[in-house]
Amino acid sequence: MRSLDTRAAFLLSLAPIALLGAVVSQSYFLHVLILTFIWCIVVSAWDLLMGYAGILNFAQLVFFAAGGYADLMLQSLLGWGPWSALLGAVVCVFLFGLVVALPCLRLKGEYVALFTFAVHLAFPTFLQQGRAYGTGGSGGLWGANPLSIGNIEFTAANKQGWFYLSLAFAAAAVWLIYFVVLRGKWGRAFITLRDSEAAAKSLGVNEFYYKLVAFVLSAGLTGLAGVLYTDYVGVITPSVLGNEFFLIVMVMMCVGGLGRFPGVLLGAAIVTIGNELLRDFGQYRVIILGATVVATLLFVPNGIVSLPERLGWKFRPRSNVSKNTRNDRIGTAAIT
């Protein structure tokens, strides 16, 4: 069946990726792959919100930064251990997402985008001026204690360990989003609301509740990515909310394709690796990334995942769609 085929293909794709960690010894290449896995969590969470729930949120990197700051503040100010701080930080970001979502989701359409963009603009100032609250000011926070499992410490020098740790978290996050949430009741509600709010309401879908669930879940998973990034590089500063990070993530989304699994995952891999290859171009790197977005929107507006369709390649995979239940059809259409 199609859903089982998709799941099997995803699980099978993890095998060669995991093998890379055993056969590749170059520290820099492993570093790029680790960043790719972390960004896969970010773009998957954002895809859940924008691609499937249809909520225009431009504060996603705020939750990324909040996760990193919460992690180091729990470690430095309260003396929590690395794993306790990781879990605590994710909970904090879930709650922060709830605080942002409650007033935000009372708005509609472009006003949601404006509200969240305002949050994105205001948060760096709070971090820079919040030294008294433990944010470290413009210099950010340093000195994350390394995560450990048994005798294995996941320090920045342990690239192979971080490769498998970040891969495990990324695979779990992707599985949760695309094969649990979007395949279930929540996913059907998200897509119905995205496609037609009037039709969703006529079916008894509670618009505010399901959008709130999507927003908070997306925020929490993005916060998890922020914690992993901070624990890996050992520092978090307001610069993660700068234009470069924001542009890179937006390019990942545009290049990959919103709401079309595994579009954003491909986008994250291509852009992360491409961005590293373009570092020698200096300031022209941003111009090249911008041109990539323009070219993608012109020639493959639905992302590279739609390229086979644009080229006229036809696929007719088996389907497990029920002929008797409209909701089943909606749920299966969540990932096509």
Foldseek 3Di string as FASTA:
>chain_A
DVLVVVVVVLVVVVVVLLVCLVPDDDLVVLVLLLQLLLLLLLLLLVLLQCQQLNQQALQSLVLLLQLLQQLQCCCPVVVDANVVSLVVSLVVQLVVLLVLLPVLVVDDDVSSNVSNVVVLVVSQVCLQPVVVVPQVHQQGDFDHAFDDDVPDTQELVPSSVSSVVSNVLSSVSNCCRQVNCLLDPLVLLSNCCNVPVVVSVVVVRDSSVSSSVSRSVSSSSSSSSSNSVCNNVGGRGSCCSPPVVSLLLVLLDQQQFRQEPPRSSVSSSCSSVVLVVCVVVPPCSSVVSVVSSVVCCVQPRRHPVCVCVSVPNDDDDDDPQDPPDPSSVSSVSSYD
